[in-house]
């Protein structure tokens, strides 16, 4: 978690924005559900879209390296 927080900070966005943007850019994620219980949380979550350009391919690669949980490709028999 500390490495992800540092990456988000170095990228110039809150970690929850980076997480939401990663989900939106991940082809293995079909739906991103925002769990906001207050309007201010919803507004904050949606403001992550303003940082879309900060989630570059390099940043996505760094996230994948930190997480080490990238799904395997489809199996072909």
PDB file of N, CA and C in Angstrom:
ATOM      1  N   UNK A   1       0.824  -1.191   0.000  1.00  0.00           N
ATOM      2  CA  UNK A   1       0.000   0.000   0.000  1.00  0.00           C
ATOM      3  C   UNK A   1       0.871   1.260   0.000  1.00  0.00           C
ATOM      4  N   UNK A   2       1.992   1.228   0.727  1.00  0.00           N
ATOM      5  CA  UNK A   2       2.862   2.394   0.790  1.00  0.00           C
ATOM      6  C   UNK A   2       3.446   2.720  -0.580  1.00  0.00           C
ATOM      7  N   UNK A   3       3.792   1.697  -1.351  1.00  0.00           N
ATOM      8  CA  UNK A   3       4.367   1.930  -2.679  1.00  0.00           C
ATOM      9  C   UNK A   3       3.327   2.529  -3.619  1.00  0.00           C
ATOM     10  N   UNK A   4       2.089   2.071  -3.509  1.00  0.00           N
ATOM     11  CA  UNK A   4       1.017   2.645  -4.329  1.00  0.00           C
ATOM     12  C   UNK A   4       0.749   4.096  -3.934  1.00  0.00           C
ATOM     13  N   UNK A   5       0.752   4.370  -2.641  1.00  0.00           N
ATOM     14  CA  UNK A   5       0.523   5.735  -2.164  1.00  0.00           C
ATOM     15  C   UNK A   5       1.640   6.656  -2.649  1.00  0.00           C
ATOM     16  N   UNK A   6       2.881   6.170  -2.615  1.00  0.00           N
ATOM     17  CA  UNK A   6       4.008   6.977  -3.095  1.00  0.00           C
ATOM     18  C   UNK A   6       3.892   7.235  -4.592  1.00  0.00           C
ATOM     19  N   UNK A   7       3.505   6.211  -5.340  1.00  0.00           N
ATOM     20  CA  UNK A   7       3.328   6.370  -6.785  1.00  0.00           C
ATOM     21  C   UNK A   7       2.237   7.395  -7.078  1.00  0.00           C
ATOM     22  N   UNK A   8       1.124   7.293  -6.374  1.00  0.00           N
ATOM     23  CA  UNK A   8       0.031   8.255  -6.575  1.00  0.00           C
ATOM     24  C   UNK A   8       0.498   9.669  -6.251  1.00  0.00           C
ATOM     25  N   UNK A   9       1.202   9.823  -5.163  1.00  0.00           N
ATOM     26  CA  UNK A   9       1.707  11.133  -4.767  1.00  0.00           C
ATOM     27  C   UNK A   9       2.675  11.682  -5.805  1.00  0.00           C
ATOM     28  N   UNK A  10       3.587  10.840  -6.282  1.00  0.00           N
ATOM     29  CA  UNK A  10       4.549  11.265  -7.304  1.00  0.00           C
ATOM     30  C   UNK A  10       3.864  11.607  -8.619  1.00  0.00           C
ATOM     31  N   UNK A  11       2.718  10.984  -8.867  1.00  0.00           N
ATOM     32  CA  UNK A  11       1.968  11.227 -10.091  1.00  0.00           C
ATOM     33  C   UNK A  11       1.090  12.473  -9.961  1.00  0.00           C
ATOM     34  N   UNK A  12       0.867  12.921  -8.722  1.00  0.00           N
ATOM     35  CA  UNK A  12       0.104  14.144  -8.501  1.00  0.00           C
ATOM     36  C   UNK A  12      -1.384  13.944  -8.345  1.00  0.00           C
ATOM     37  N   UNK A  13      -1.751  12.794  -7.753  1.00  0.00           N
ATOM     38  CA  UNK A  13      -3.179  12.563  -7.523  1.00  0.00           C
ATOM     39  C   UNK A  13      -3.369  11.739  -6.259  1.00  0.00           C
ATOM     40  N   UNK A  14      -4.541  11.824  -5.645  1.00  0.00           N
ATOM     41  CA  UNK A  14      -4.821  10.982  -4.481  1.00  0.00           C
ATOM     42  C   UNK A  14      -4.860   9.508  -4.891  1.00  0.00           C
ATOM     43  N   UNK A  15      -4.532   8.645  -3.965  1.00  0.00           N
ATOM     44  CA  UNK A  15      -4.473   7.212  -4.277  1.00  0.00           C
ATOM     45  C   UNK A  15      -5.835   6.676  -4.726  1.00  0.00           C
ATOM     46  N   UNK A  16      -6.926   7.187  -4.161  1.00  0.00           N
ATOM     47  CA  UNK A  16      -8.233   6.674  -4.575  1.00  0.00           C
ATOM     48  C   UNK A  16      -8.568   7.108  -6.004  1.00  0.00           C
ATOM     49  N   UNK A  17      -8.080   8.246  -6.429  1.00  0.00           N
ATOM     50  CA  UNK A  17      -8.274   8.652  -7.822  1.00  0.00           C
ATOM     51  C   UNK A  17      -7.474   7.739  -8.745  1.00  0.00           C
ATOM     52  N   UNK A  18      -6.232   7.438  -8.348  1.00  0.00           N
ATOM     53  CA  UNK A  18      -5.412   6.547  -9.160  1.00  0.00           C
ATOM     54  C   UNK A  18      -6.073   5.178  -9.275  1.00  0.00           C
ATOM     55  N   UNK A  19      -6.646   4.696  -8.185  1.00  0.00           N
ATOM     56  CA  UNK A  19      -7.305   3.389  -8.199  1.00  0.00           C
ATOM     57  C   UNK A  19      -8.521   3.393  -9.127  1.00  0.00           C
ATOM     58  N   UNK A  20      -9.322   4.437  -9.044  1.00  0.00           N
ATOM     59  CA  UNK A  20     -10.499   4.530  -9.916  1.00  0.00           C
ATOM     60  C   UNK A  20     -10.095   4.612 -11.387  1.00  0.00           C
ATOM     61  N   UNK A  21      -9.075   5.410 -11.674  1.00  0.00           N
ATOM     62  CA  UNK A  21      -8.624   5.546 -13.054  1.00  0.00           C
ATOM     63  C   UNK A  21      -8.019   4.251 -13.576  1.00  0.00           C
ATOM     64  N   UNK A  22      -7.304   3.532 -12.704  1.00  0.00           N
ATOM     65  CA  UNK A  22      -6.747   2.243 -13.108  1.00  0.00           C
ATOM     66  C   UNK A  22      -7.886   1.281 -13.465  1.00  0.00           C
ATOM     67  N   UNK A  23      -8.912   1.267 -12.643  1.00  0.00           N
ATOM     68  CA  UNK A  23     -10.059   0.396 -12.938  1.00  0.00           C
ATOM     69  C   UNK A  23     -10.689   0.772 -14.272  1.00  0.00           C
ATOM     70  N   UNK A  24     -10.867   2.067 -14.510  1.00  0.00           N
ATOM     71  CA  UNK A  24     -11.478   2.521 -15.767  1.00  0.00           C
ATOM     72  C   UNK A  24     -10.643   2.165 -16.990  1.00  0.00           C
ATOM     73  N   UNK A  25      -9.325   2.141 -16.822  1.00  0.00           N
ATOM     74  CA  UNK A  25      -8.448   1.878 -17.965  1.00  0.00           C
ATOM     75  C   UNK A  25      -8.133   0.397 -18.145  1.00  0.00           C
ATOM     76  N   UNK A  26      -8.542  -0.431 -17.195  1.00  0.00           N
ATOM     77  CA  UNK A  26      -8.209  -1.856 -17.230  1.00  0.00           C
ATOM     78  C   UNK A  26      -9.221  -2.612 -18.083  1.00  0.00           C
ATOM     79  N   UNK A  27      -8.740  -3.233 -19.146  1.00  0.00           N
ATOM     80  CA  UNK A  27      -9.650  -3.947 -20.053  1.00  0.00           C
ATOM     81  C   UNK A  27     -10.301  -5.160 -19.388  1.00  0.00           C
ATOM     82  N   UNK A  28      -9.765  -5.619 -18.254  1.00  0.00           N
ATOM     83  CA  UNK A  28     -10.342  -6.756 -17.544  1.00  0.00           C
ATOM     84  C   UNK A  28     -11.436  -6.344 -16.557  1.00  0.00           C
ATOM     85  N   UNK A  29     -11.663  -5.042 -16.422  1.00  0.00           N
ATOM     86  CA  UNK A  29     -12.705  -4.522 -15.528  1.00  0.00           C
ATOM     87  C   UNK A  29     -13.851  -4.022 -16.395  1.00  0.00           C
ATOM     88  N   UNK A  30     -15.011  -4.615 -16.228  1.00  0.00           N
ATOM     89  CA  UNK A  30     -16.145  -4.239 -17.075  1.00  0.00           C
ATOM     90  C   UNK A  30     -16.970  -3.096 -16.488  1.00  0.00           C
ATOM     91  N   UNK A  31     -16.984  -2.952 -15.173  1.00  0.00           N
ATOM     92  CA  UNK A  31     -17.813  -1.939 -14.531  1.00  0.00           C
ATOM     93  C   UNK A  31     -17.100  -1.398 -13.304  1.00  0.00           C
ATOM     94  N   UNK A  32     -17.130  -0.093 -13.136  1.00  0.00           N
ATOM     95  CA  UNK A  32     -16.581   0.543 -11.940  1.00  0.00           C
ATOM     96  C   UNK A  32     -17.753   1.104 -11.156  1.00  0.00           C
ATOM     97  N   UNK A  33     -17.954   0.585  -9.967  1.00  0.00           N
ATOM     98  CA  UNK A  33     -19.070   1.012  -9.133  1.00  0.00           C
ATOM     99  C   UNK A  33     -18.527   1.913  -8.025  1.00  0.00           C
ATOM    100  N   UNK A  34     -19.037   3.122  -7.961  1.00  0.00           N
ATOM    101  CA  UNK A  34     -18.613   4.061  -6.931  1.00  0.00           C
ATOM    102  C   UNK A  34     -19.433   3.829  -5.677  1.00  0.00           C
ATOM    103  N   UNK A  35     -18.768   3.638  -4.568  1.00  0.00           N
ATOM    104  CA  UNK A  35     -19.454   3.348  -3.315  1.00  0.00           C
ATOM    105  C   UNK A  35     -19.631   4.582  -2.455  1.00  0.00           C
ATOM    106  N   UNK A  36     -20.104   5.647  -3.037  1.00  0.00           N
ATOM    107  CA  UNK A  36     -20.270   6.891  -2.295  1.00  0.00           C
ATOM    108  C   UNK A  36     -21.569   6.874  -1.493  1.00  0.00           C
ATOM    109  N   UNK A  37     -21.484   7.319  -0.253  1.00  0.00           N
ATOM    110  CA  UNK A  37     -22.693   7.429   0.557  1.00  0.00           C
ATOM    111  C   UNK A  37     -23.071   8.890   0.801  1.00  0.00           C
ATOM    112  N   UNK A  38     -22.209   9.798   0.354  1.00  0.00           N
ATOM    113  CA  UNK A  38     -22.480  11.229   0.467  1.00  0.00           C
ATOM    114  C   UNK A  38     -22.231  11.878  -0.885  1.00  0.00           C
ATOM    115  N   UNK A  39     -22.930  12.952  -1.146  1.00  0.00           N
ATOM    116  CA  UNK A  39     -22.762  13.648  -2.405  1.00  0.00           C
ATOM    117  C   UNK A  39     -21.319  14.123  -2.579  1.00  0.00           C
ATOM    118  N   UNK A  40     -20.698  14.587  -1.499  1.00  0.00           N
ATOM    119  CA  UNK A  40     -19.322  15.074  -1.594  1.00  0.00           C
ATOM    120  C   UNK A  40     -18.361  13.957  -2.016  1.00  0.00           C
ATOM    121  N   UNK A  41     -18.630  12.713  -1.597  1.00  0.00           N
ATOM    122  CA  UNK A  41     -17.801  11.584  -2.006  1.00  0.00           C
ATOM    123  C   UNK A  41     -17.970  11.296  -3.491  1.00  0.00           C
ATOM    124  N   UNK A  42     -19.200  11.391  -3.968  1.00  0.00           N
ATOM    125  CA  UNK A  42     -19.462  11.168  -5.386  1.00  0.00           C
ATOM    126  C   UNK A  42     -18.760  12.229  -6.229  1.00  0.00           C
ATOM    127  N   UNK A  43     -18.881  13.470  -5.817  1.00  0.00           N
ATOM    128  CA  UNK A  43     -18.228  14.565  -6.540  1.00  0.00           C
ATOM    129  C   UNK A  43     -16.720  14.350  -6.560  1.00  0.00           C
ATOM    130  N   UNK A  44     -16.156  13.964  -5.421  1.00  0.00           N
ATOM    131  CA  UNK A  44     -14.713  13.720  -5.343  1.00  0.00           C
ATOM    132  C   UNK A  44     -14.315  12.564  -6.260  1.00  0.00           C
ATOM    133  N   UNK A  45     -15.061  11.464  -6.214  1.00  0.00           N
ATOM    134  CA  UNK A  45     -14.734  10.314  -7.064  1.00  0.00           C
ATOM    135  C   UNK A  45     -14.796  10.686  -8.541  1.00  0.00           C
ATOM    136  N   UNK A  46     -15.811  11.424  -8.933  1.00  0.00           N
ATOM    137  CA  UNK A  46     -15.949  11.813 -10.330  1.00  0.00           C
ATOM    138  C   UNK A  46     -14.859  12.792 -10.759  1.00  0.00           C
ATOM    139  N   UNK A  47     -14.329  13.562  -9.814  1.00  0.00           N
ATOM    140  CA  UNK A  47     -13.259  14.500 -10.153  1.00  0.00           C
ATOM    141  C   UNK A  47     -11.968  13.774 -10.526  1.00  0.00           C
ATOM    142  N   UNK A  48     -11.888  12.479 -10.273  1.00  0.00           N
ATOM    143  CA  UNK A  48     -10.722  11.700 -10.707  1.00  0.00           C
ATOM    144  C   UNK A  48     -10.564  11.771 -12.218  1.00  0.00           C
ATOM    145  N   UNK A  49     -11.670  11.935 -12.930  1.00  0.00           N
ATOM    146  CA  UNK A  49     -11.614  12.001 -14.390  1.00  0.00           C
ATOM    147  C   UNK A  49     -10.760  13.166 -14.880  1.00  0.00           C
ATOM    148  N   UNK A  50     -10.609  14.190 -14.050  1.00  0.00           N
ATOM    149  CA  UNK A  50      -9.781  15.336 -14.426  1.00  0.00           C
ATOM    150  C   UNK A  50      -8.297  14.970 -14.481  1.00  0.00           C
ATOM    151  N   UNK A  51      -7.927  13.837 -13.898  1.00  0.00           N
ATOM    152  CA  UNK A  51      -6.525  13.401 -13.858  1.00  0.00           C
ATOM    153  C   UNK A  51      -6.237  12.263 -14.827  1.00  0.00           C
ATOM    154  N   UNK A  52      -7.144  11.996 -15.745  1.00  0.00           N
ATOM    155  CA  UNK A  52      -6.975  10.865 -16.671  1.00  0.00           C
ATOM    156  C   UNK A  52      -5.633  10.871 -17.378  1.00  0.00           C
ATOM    157  N   UNK A  53      -5.163  12.046 -17.771  1.00  0.00           N
ATOM    158  CA  UNK A  53      -3.913  12.116 -18.514  1.00  0.00           C
ATOM    159  C   UNK A  53      -2.693  11.770 -17.664  1.00  0.00           C
ATOM    160  N   UNK A  54      -2.844  11.773 -16.353  1.00  0.00           N
ATOM    161  CA  UNK A  54      -1.726  11.416 -15.465  1.00  0.00           C
ATOM    162  C   UNK A  54      -1.515   9.911 -15.370  1.00  0.00           C
ATOM    163  N   UNK A  55      -2.528   9.134 -15.727  1.00  0.00           N
ATOM    164  CA  UNK A  55      -2.403   7.677 -15.657  1.00  0.00           C
ATOM    165  C   UNK A  55      -1.860   7.180 -17.003  1.00  0.00           C
ATOM    166  N   UNK A  56      -0.588   7.378 -17.183  1.00  0.00           N
ATOM    167  CA  UNK A  56       0.076   7.003 -18.435  1.00  0.00           C
ATOM    168  C   UNK A  56       0.330   5.495 -18.468  1.00  0.00           C
ATOM    169  N   UNK A  57       0.760   5.022 -19.596  1.00  0.00           N
ATOM    170  CA  UNK A  57       1.127   3.609 -19.705  1.00  0.00           C
ATOM    171  C   UNK A  57       2.226   3.247 -18.732  1.00  0.00           C
ATOM    172  N   UNK A  58       3.159   4.160 -18.522  1.00  0.00           N
ATOM    173  CA  UNK A  58       4.248   3.911 -17.572  1.00  0.00           C
ATOM    174  C   UNK A  58       3.709   3.767 -16.143  1.00  0.00           C
ATOM    175  N   UNK A  59       2.783   4.634 -15.776  1.00  0.00           N
ATOM    176  CA  UNK A  59       2.200   4.556 -14.422  1.00  0.00           C
ATOM    177  C   UNK A  59       1.415   3.259 -14.275  1.00  0.00           C
ATOM    178  N   UNK A  60       0.653   2.881 -15.302  1.00  0.00           N
ATOM    179  CA  UNK A  60      -0.088   1.613 -15.242  1.00  0.00           C
ATOM    180  C   UNK A  60       0.875   0.438 -15.092  1.00  0.00           C
ATOM    181  N   UNK A  61       1.995   0.477 -15.785  1.00  0.00           N
ATOM    182  CA  UNK A  61       2.995  -0.595 -15.659  1.00  0.00           C
ATOM    183  C   UNK A  61       3.561  -0.647 -14.250  1.00  0.00           C
ATOM    184  N   UNK A  62       3.796   0.508 -13.660  1.00  0.00           N
ATOM    185  CA  UNK A  62       4.316   0.544 -12.281  1.00  0.00           C
ATOM    186  C   UNK A  62       3.290  -0.020 -11.305  1.00  0.00           C
ATOM    187  N   UNK A  63       2.023   0.291 -11.532  1.00  0.00           N
ATOM    188  CA  UNK A  63       0.968  -0.263 -10.677  1.00  0.00           C
ATOM    189  C   UNK A  63       0.961  -1.783 -10.789  1.00  0.00           C
ATOM    190  N   UNK A  64       1.014  -2.291 -12.012  1.00  0.00           N
ATOM    191  CA  UNK A  64       1.016  -3.746 -12.228  1.00  0.00           C
ATOM    192  C   UNK A  64       2.211  -4.399 -11.537  1.00  0.00           C
ATOM    193  N   UNK A  65       3.371  -3.733 -11.607  1.00  0.00           N
ATOM    194  CA  UNK A  65       4.563  -4.298 -10.962  1.00  0.00           C
ATOM    195  C   UNK A  65       4.399  -4.345  -9.446  1.00  0.00           C
ATOM    196  N   UNK A  66       3.813  -3.312  -8.891  1.00  0.00           N
ATOM    197  CA  UNK A  66       3.591  -3.275  -7.445  1.00  0.00           C
ATOM    198  C   UNK A  66       2.586  -4.344  -7.034  1.00  0.00           C
ATOM    199  N   UNK A  67       1.480  -4.450  -7.753  1.00  0.00           N
ATOM    200  CA  UNK A  67       0.406  -5.374  -7.372  1.00  0.00           C
ATOM    201  C   UNK A  67       0.744  -6.840  -7.633  1.00  0.00           C
ATOM    202  N   UNK A  68       1.451  -7.101  -8.726  1.00  0.00           N
ATOM    203  CA  UNK A  68       1.800  -8.478  -9.087  1.00  0.00           C
ATOM    204  C   UNK A  68       0.587  -9.393  -9.137  1.00  0.00           C
ATOM    205  N   UNK A  69      -0.528  -8.881  -9.685  1.00  0.00           N
ATOM    206  CA  UNK A  69      -1.734  -9.701  -9.769  1.00  0.00           C
ATOM    207  C   UNK A  69      -2.405  -9.598 -11.130  1.00  0.00           C
ATOM    208  N   UNK A  70      -1.612  -9.312 -12.145  1.00  0.00           N
ATOM    209  CA  UNK A  70      -2.162  -9.174 -13.486  1.00  0.00           C
ATOM    210  C   UNK A  70      -2.751 -10.515 -13.926  1.00  0.00           C
ATOM    211  N   UNK A  71      -3.990 -10.515 -14.412  1.00  0.00           N
ATOM    212  CA  UNK A  71      -4.603 -11.768 -14.837  1.00  0.00           C
ATOM    213  C   UNK A  71      -3.828 -12.393 -15.998  1.00  0.00           C
ATOM    214  N   UNK A  72      -3.772 -13.699 -15.991  1.00  0.00           N
ATOM    215  CA  UNK A  72      -3.141 -14.408 -17.095  1.00  0.00           C
ATOM    216  C   UNK A  72      -4.029 -14.293 -18.328  1.00  0.00           C
ATOM    217  N   UNK A  73      -3.408 -14.390 -19.470  1.00  0.00           N
ATOM    218  CA  UNK A  73      -4.173 -14.334 -20.705  1.00  0.00           C
ATOM    219  C   UNK A  73      -5.047 -15.583 -20.836  1.00  0.00           C
ATOM    220  N   UNK A  74      -5.914 -15.605 -21.836  1.00  0.00           N
ATOM    221  CA  UNK A  74      -6.795 -16.759 -22.001  1.00  0.00           C
ATOM    222  C   UNK A  74      -5.972 -18.009 -22.331  1.00  0.00           C
ATOM    223  N   UNK A  75      -6.411 -19.112 -21.768  1.00  0.00           N
ATOM    224  CA  UNK A  75      -5.750 -20.390 -22.047  1.00  0.00           C
ATOM    225  C   UNK A  75      -6.251 -20.935 -23.373  1.00  0.00           C
ATOM    226  N   UNK A  76      -5.346 -21.422 -24.173  1.00  0.00           N
ATOM    227  CA  UNK A  76      -5.716 -22.001 -25.470  1.00  0.00           C
ATOM    228  C   UNK A  76      -5.238 -23.440 -25.493  1.00  0.00           C
ATOM    229  N   UNK A  77      -6.162 -24.332 -25.755  1.00  0.00           N
ATOM    230  CA  UNK A  77      -5.834 -25.747 -25.762  1.00  0.00           C
ATOM    231  C   UNK A  77      -5.824 -26.290 -27.157  1.00  0.00           C
TER     232      UNK A  77
END
